[in-house]
Amino acid sequence: MANFHTRLEQRIAQCGNPVCLGMDPVLKLIDPCCPQGSAEEKIKRFYSEILEEALRRGVTPAVVKPNSAYYECVSVQAMLVLQQLIADYRSAGIPVVLDAKRGDIGKSSAAYANAAYDVYGADAVTVSPWMGSDSVGPFIRENSENGAYVLLRTSNKGAHDFQDMTVVRSDDPRDNAQAFYSVADKIMEWDGSLGYLGAVVGATHPEELEQITAYTVAKKHEIPFLIPGVSIPGVPGGQGGDAKTVLTAIANGGGKRKFHVLNSSSGLNFAWQRSGKPENFAVDCIDALEKLAEACNF
């Protein structure tokens, strides 16, 4: 049985790209594409037709990443749609990362892990490290193919509130570092040689991405990154991180393993805004996915 790190490498090699398709339904942008039916039916049709188009053309993402909040805020029934979409994409051979950013402890954390892996059926889930090992630990399932991405260095405005704090790690001031490096240390420690944990690192600061890569490589524990905020040239959406720049930063940091994934959500989901033809949403989405894959030059 392959561990999560190896599964990522195998999947990226199979599909020929490291693209992560975010699946974040925004109803006001889905309505023009799927005008008939309930909100839940529109979401199901939208992502089902994108999957069908991807399979028809043989252009599939390495993984997909639905953000559970976008389904939870619609209805309980929409959460069942999410469960079905996860099953459909996995049946097509596409691993699913449930973006839920869980962060409880003990039995509660174990319950969240069971929900993500056993109820929703996801391959991996995003988690917060704030409450430490008893928060992340339940998401590490030995002798399984599941994985978890720990929030390491995010690109939101408020990230600096805590992630940039200086941590005094010894009497030598040269050992002092920003707090997110302590998170990197813990990810490597918790993962050990298991190959189950990855890290969420934003795309908008490639110099930090390079430094984090170099830091993990120096400790002989390269970890897979889930990199949100990747932009697609000429397509609306994204937070400004260029795919080539992101991958170059990883390479410059000494990264060797091809198990990192680059996420785009709105830039892929709603690429139809560029053509102005919502009826072509699935074609436009896969066209944009293909552009992003080409930009990665895999």
Protein backbone atom coordinates (compact mmCIF):
# COMPACT_ATOMS: atom_id res chain seq x y z
CA MET A 1 0.00 0.00 0.00
CA ALA A 2 1.46 3.34 -1.07
CA ASN A 3 1.56 6.16 1.46
CA PHE A 4 0.08 9.58 0.70
CA HIS A 5 3.36 11.11 -0.51
CA THR A 6 3.92 8.28 -2.97
CA ARG A 7 0.30 8.40 -4.14
CA LEU A 8 0.73 12.08 -4.99
CA GLU A 9 3.86 11.36 -7.02
CA GLN A 10 2.16 8.52 -8.85
CA ARG A 11 -0.95 10.55 -9.61
CA ILE A 12 0.99 13.58 -10.90
CA ALA A 13 3.09 11.31 -13.11
CA GLN A 14 -0.07 9.64 -14.40
CA CYS A 15 -2.00 12.79 -15.33
CA GLY A 16 1.08 14.79 -16.35
CA ASN A 17 0.41 17.90 -14.30
CA PRO A 18 0.40 19.14 -10.67
CA VAL A 19 -2.85 21.10 -10.91
CA CYS A 20 -5.31 21.10 -8.03
CA LEU A 21 -8.82 22.08 -9.09
CA GLY A 22 -10.57 23.93 -6.29
CA MET A 23 -14.29 23.16 -6.16
CA ASP A 24 -15.81 26.17 -4.41
CA PRO A 25 -19.36 26.74 -5.67
CA VAL A 26 -20.51 30.37 -5.81
CA LEU A 27 -24.18 30.23 -6.70
CA LYS A 28 -24.39 33.64 -8.36
CA LEU A 29 -21.70 32.47 -10.81
CA ILE A 30 -23.18 29.00 -11.25
CA ASP A 31 -26.72 30.27 -11.90
CA PRO A 32 -25.96 31.55 -15.43
CA CYS A 33 -24.35 28.19 -16.26
CA CYS A 34 -27.05 25.97 -14.77
CA PRO A 35 -30.26 28.03 -14.63
CA GLN A 36 -32.63 25.13 -13.95
CA GLY A 37 -33.25 23.27 -10.71
CA SER A 38 -32.52 23.76 -7.02
CA ALA A 39 -29.25 25.15 -5.69
CA GLU A 40 -28.11 21.63 -4.88
CA GLU A 41 -28.97 20.36 -8.37
CA LYS A 42 -27.09 23.27 -9.94
CA ILE A 43 -23.95 22.54 -7.93
CA LYS A 44 -24.12 18.85 -8.79
CA ARG A 45 -24.61 19.51 -12.49
CA PHE A 46 -21.87 22.15 -12.59
CA TYR A 47 -19.12 19.93 -11.21
CA SER A 48 -20.41 16.77 -12.88
CA GLU A 49 -20.21 18.39 -16.32
CA ILE A 50 -16.70 19.67 -15.57
CA LEU A 51 -15.67 16.12 -14.67
CA GLU A 52 -17.28 14.73 -17.83
CA GLU A 53 -15.46 17.29 -19.99
CA ALA A 54 -12.14 16.55 -18.30
CA LEU A 55 -12.52 12.82 -18.89
CA ARG A 56 -13.75 13.31 -22.46
CA ARG A 57 -10.65 15.31 -23.34
CA GLY A 58 -8.22 13.35 -21.21
CA VAL A 59 -7.21 16.50 -19.33
CA THR A 60 -7.69 15.85 -15.63
CA PRO A 61 -6.27 17.62 -12.57
CA ALA A 62 -3.86 15.84 -10.26
CA VAL A 63 -6.28 16.37 -7.37
CA VAL A 64 -9.42 18.33 -6.58
CA LYS A 65 -10.07 20.38 -3.45
CA PRO A 66 -13.66 21.16 -2.46
CA ASN A 67 -13.97 23.68 0.38
CA SER A 68 -16.65 22.26 2.65
CA ALA A 69 -17.85 25.70 3.79
CA TYR A 70 -19.24 26.50 0.35
CA TYR A 71 -21.51 23.46 0.57
CA GLU A 72 -22.39 23.76 4.26
CA CYS A 73 -23.65 27.32 3.79
CA VAL A 74 -26.13 26.22 1.11
CA SER A 75 -27.97 23.43 2.93
CA VAL A 76 -27.68 20.03 4.55
CA GLN A 77 -28.62 18.56 1.17
CA ALA A 78 -25.67 20.36 -0.43
CA MET A 79 -23.38 18.50 1.96
CA LEU A 80 -24.79 15.26 0.53
CA VAL A 81 -24.02 16.62 -2.94
CA LEU A 82 -20.44 17.18 -1.78
CA GLN A 83 -20.28 13.58 -0.58
CA GLN A 84 -21.51 12.36 -3.98
CA LEU A 85 -19.12 14.59 -5.92
CA ILE A 86 -16.21 13.26 -3.87
CA ALA A 87 -17.28 9.71 -4.75
CA ASP A 88 -17.65 10.59 -8.44
CA TYR A 89 -14.24 12.22 -8.75
CA ARG A 90 -12.53 9.42 -6.82
CA SER A 91 -14.25 6.86 -9.05
CA ALA A 92 -12.63 8.66 -11.98
CA GLY A 93 -9.23 8.17 -10.34
CA ILE A 94 -8.86 11.74 -9.07
CA PRO A 95 -7.86 12.08 -5.39
CA VAL A 96 -9.88 14.51 -3.28
CA VAL A 97 -8.58 16.92 -0.64
CA LEU A 98 -11.38 18.08 1.64
CA ASP A 99 -10.57 21.68 2.52
CA ALA A 100 -12.13 21.88 5.98
CA LYS A 101 -9.25 23.29 8.08
CA ARG A 102 -10.11 21.17 11.09
CA GLY A 103 -8.43 21.98 14.40
CA ASP A 104 -9.99 20.39 17.48
CA ILE A 105 -8.38 17.94 19.93
CA GLY A 106 -8.73 14.41 21.23
CA LYS A 107 -12.00 12.61 20.54
CA SER A 108 -13.41 15.63 18.72
CA SER A 109 -10.44 15.70 16.35
CA ALA A 110 -10.78 11.95 15.81
CA ALA A 111 -14.46 12.47 14.98
CA TYR A 112 -13.55 15.12 12.40
CA ALA A 113 -11.00 12.73 10.88
CA ASN A 114 -13.61 9.97 10.70
CA ALA A 115 -16.03 12.37 9.03
CA ALA A 116 -13.49 13.46 6.41
CA TYR A 117 -12.13 10.03 5.56
CA ASP A 118 -15.03 7.67 6.26
CA VAL A 119 -18.21 9.71 5.79
CA TYR A 120 -17.23 12.13 3.04
CA GLY A 121 -14.72 9.66 1.63
CA ALA A 122 -11.90 12.17 1.04
CA ASP A 123 -8.31 11.12 0.48
CA ALA A 124 -6.91 14.02 2.48
CA VAL A 125 -8.03 16.99 4.57
CA THR A 126 -6.62 20.37 5.56
CA VAL A 127 -5.95 20.88 9.28
CA SER A 128 -4.81 23.64 11.62
CA PRO A 129 -1.76 23.05 13.84
CA TRP A 130 -2.71 25.62 16.48
CA MET A 131 -3.60 23.11 19.22
CA GLY A 132 -0.64 20.85 18.55
CA SER A 133 -0.07 17.15 18.16
CA ASP A 134 -3.35 15.99 19.71
CA SER A 135 -5.13 18.07 17.09
CA VAL A 136 -3.22 16.81 14.05
CA GLY A 137 -2.50 13.30 15.31
CA PRO A 138 -5.93 11.76 14.61
CA PHE A 139 -5.57 12.68 10.94
CA ILE A 140 -2.45 10.53 10.63
CA ARG A 141 -3.72 7.07 9.87
CA GLU A 142 -0.93 4.55 9.75
CA ASN A 143 -1.20 1.78 7.18
CA SER A 144 -3.59 3.85 5.11
CA GLU A 145 -3.42 5.92 1.95
CA ASN A 146 -4.93 9.00 3.59
CA GLY A 147 -3.07 12.23 4.21
CA ALA A 148 -3.46 15.67 5.74
CA TYR A 149 -2.20 19.12 4.80
CA VAL A 150 -1.22 21.27 7.78
CA LEU A 151 -1.57 25.05 7.48
CA LEU A 152 2.04 26.27 7.41
CA ARG A 153 2.46 29.63 5.66
CA THR A 154 -0.72 31.19 4.34
CA SER A 155 -1.11 34.25 2.11
CA ASN A 156 -4.13 35.94 3.68
CA LYS A 157 -3.72 39.46 5.10
CA GLY A 158 -4.08 38.32 8.70
CA ALA A 159 -1.36 35.69 8.37
CA HIS A 160 1.19 38.15 9.73
CA ASP A 161 -0.70 38.44 13.04
CA PHE A 162 0.84 35.20 14.29
CA GLN A 163 2.92 33.52 11.59
CA ASP A 164 5.54 36.30 11.53
CA MET A 165 6.11 36.33 15.28
CA THR A 166 9.71 35.59 16.24
CA VAL A 167 10.17 32.36 18.16
CA VAL A 168 13.18 32.16 20.50
CA ARG A 169 14.41 28.60 20.05
CA SER A 170 17.72 28.69 21.93
CA ASP A 171 20.16 31.03 23.66
CA ASP A 172 21.73 31.69 20.28
CA PRO A 173 19.79 34.52 18.57
CA ARG A 174 20.77 33.05 15.20
CA ASP A 175 18.35 30.21 15.94
CA ASN A 176 15.43 32.61 16.25
CA ALA A 177 12.94 32.34 13.41
CA GLN A 178 9.43 33.24 12.34
CA ALA A 179 6.75 31.10 13.95
CA PHE A 180 5.86 29.24 10.76
CA TYR A 181 9.27 27.56 10.83
CA SER A 182 8.28 25.98 14.14
CA VAL A 183 5.19 24.63 12.39
CA ALA A 184 7.45 23.18 9.68
CA ASP A 185 9.54 21.51 12.39
CA LYS A 186 6.45 19.92 13.90
CA ILE A 187 5.10 18.71 10.57
CA MET A 188 8.38 16.90 9.93
CA GLU A 189 8.46 15.55 13.48
CA TRP A 190 4.86 14.32 13.44
CA ASP A 191 5.21 12.77 10.01
CA GLY A 192 8.48 11.01 10.74
CA SER A 193 9.02 8.51 7.94
CA LEU A 194 5.31 7.80 7.47
CA GLY A 195 4.71 9.99 4.42
CA TYR A 196 1.24 11.18 5.41
CA LEU A 197 1.58 14.92 6.10
CA GLY A 198 1.90 17.85 3.73
CA ALA A 199 1.75 21.61 4.20
CA VAL A 200 -0.35 24.48 2.90
CA VAL A 201 1.95 27.24 1.63
CA GLY A 202 0.62 30.26 -0.26
CA ALA A 203 1.75 31.07 -3.79
CA THR A 204 2.09 34.82 -3.44
CA HIS A 205 5.52 34.93 -1.77
CA PRO A 206 7.83 32.68 -3.82
CA GLU A 207 10.92 33.74 -1.88
CA GLU A 208 9.39 32.27 1.28
CA LEU A 209 8.36 29.15 -0.60
CA GLU A 210 11.98 28.71 -1.66
CA GLN A 211 13.20 29.24 1.91
CA ILE A 212 10.70 26.77 3.37
CA THR A 213 11.65 24.18 0.76
CA ALA A 214 15.34 24.67 1.52
CA TYR A 215 14.62 24.37 5.24
CA THR A 216 12.88 21.01 4.88
CA VAL A 217 15.41 19.70 2.36
CA ALA A 218 18.27 20.61 4.72
CA LYS A 219 16.59 18.45 7.35
CA LYS A 220 16.24 15.64 4.78
CA HIS A 221 12.47 15.69 5.01
CA GLU A 222 10.96 17.25 1.91
CA ILE A 223 7.19 17.52 2.34
CA PRO A 224 4.47 18.01 -0.29
CA PHE A 225 2.98 21.47 -0.57
CA LEU A 226 -0.61 22.36 -1.36
CA ILE A 227 -0.17 25.80 -2.91
CA PRO A 228 -3.31 27.94 -3.22
CA GLY A 229 -3.54 31.26 -5.01
CA VAL A 230 -2.01 30.25 -8.36
CA SER A 231 -3.03 32.48 -11.26
CA ILE A 232 -3.73 31.53 -14.87
CA PRO A 233 -2.59 34.02 -17.52
CA GLY A 234 -5.59 35.75 -19.07
CA VAL A 235 -8.16 34.05 -16.86
CA PRO A 236 -10.01 35.83 -14.02
CA GLY A 237 -9.26 34.59 -10.52
CA GLY A 238 -6.21 33.64 -8.52
CA GLN A 239 -4.25 35.65 -6.01
CA GLY A 240 -1.30 36.54 -8.20
CA GLY A 241 1.04 33.56 -7.77
CA ASP A 242 2.51 32.55 -11.14
CA ALA A 243 2.85 28.78 -11.69
CA LYS A 244 6.31 28.91 -13.25
CA THR A 245 7.60 31.19 -10.50
CA VAL A 246 6.19 28.89 -7.83
CA LEU A 247 7.79 25.75 -9.27
CA THR A 248 11.07 27.57 -9.85
CA ALA A 249 11.10 28.62 -6.20
CA ILE A 250 10.69 25.00 -5.10
CA ALA A 251 13.47 23.88 -7.44
CA ASN A 252 15.76 26.67 -6.24
CA GLY A 253 15.12 25.52 -2.69
CA GLY A 254 16.41 22.07 -3.61
CA GLY A 255 13.04 20.36 -3.96
CA LYS A 256 13.35 17.15 -5.94
CA ARG A 257 10.15 15.20 -5.43
CA LYS A 258 7.25 15.88 -7.78
CA PHE A 259 4.45 15.74 -5.25
CA HIS A 260 3.51 19.41 -4.87
CA VAL A 261 0.12 20.58 -6.16
CA LEU A 262 -0.84 24.08 -7.36
CA ASN A 263 -4.41 25.12 -6.67
CA SER A 264 -6.71 27.40 -8.60
CA SER A 265 -10.36 27.70 -7.67
CA SER A 266 -12.23 30.65 -9.20
CA GLY A 267 -9.76 30.94 -12.08
CA LEU A 268 -10.77 27.45 -13.21
CA ASN A 269 -14.35 27.20 -11.97
CA PHE A 270 -15.47 30.44 -13.52
CA ALA A 271 -13.19 30.75 -16.53
CA TRP A 272 -16.38 31.21 -18.56
CA GLN A 273 -16.37 34.84 -17.42
CA ARG A 274 -13.57 35.47 -19.89
CA SER A 275 -15.55 34.20 -22.89
CA GLY A 276 -18.84 35.57 -21.60
CA LYS A 277 -20.54 32.29 -22.51
CA PRO A 278 -21.80 30.58 -19.36
CA GLU A 279 -23.21 27.72 -21.41
CA ASN A 280 -19.59 26.78 -22.21
CA PHE A 281 -18.52 26.69 -18.56
CA ALA A 282 -17.19 23.13 -18.62
CA VAL A 283 -15.17 23.62 -21.81
CA ASP A 284 -13.79 26.93 -20.55
CA CYS A 285 -12.84 25.36 -17.22
CA ILE A 286 -10.87 22.55 -18.82
CA ASP A 287 -9.32 24.96 -21.32
CA ALA A 288 -8.05 26.98 -18.35
CA LEU A 289 -6.90 23.83 -16.58
CA GLU A 290 -4.94 22.87 -19.67
CA LYS A 291 -3.33 26.33 -19.74
CA LEU A 292 -2.30 26.01 -16.12
CA ALA A 293 -0.93 22.53 -16.75
CA GLU A 294 1.11 23.88 -19.67
CA ALA A 295 2.36 26.78 -17.54
CA CYS A 296 3.69 24.22 -15.08
CA ASN A 297 5.76 22.75 -17.95
CA PHE A 298 5.62 19.26 -16.46
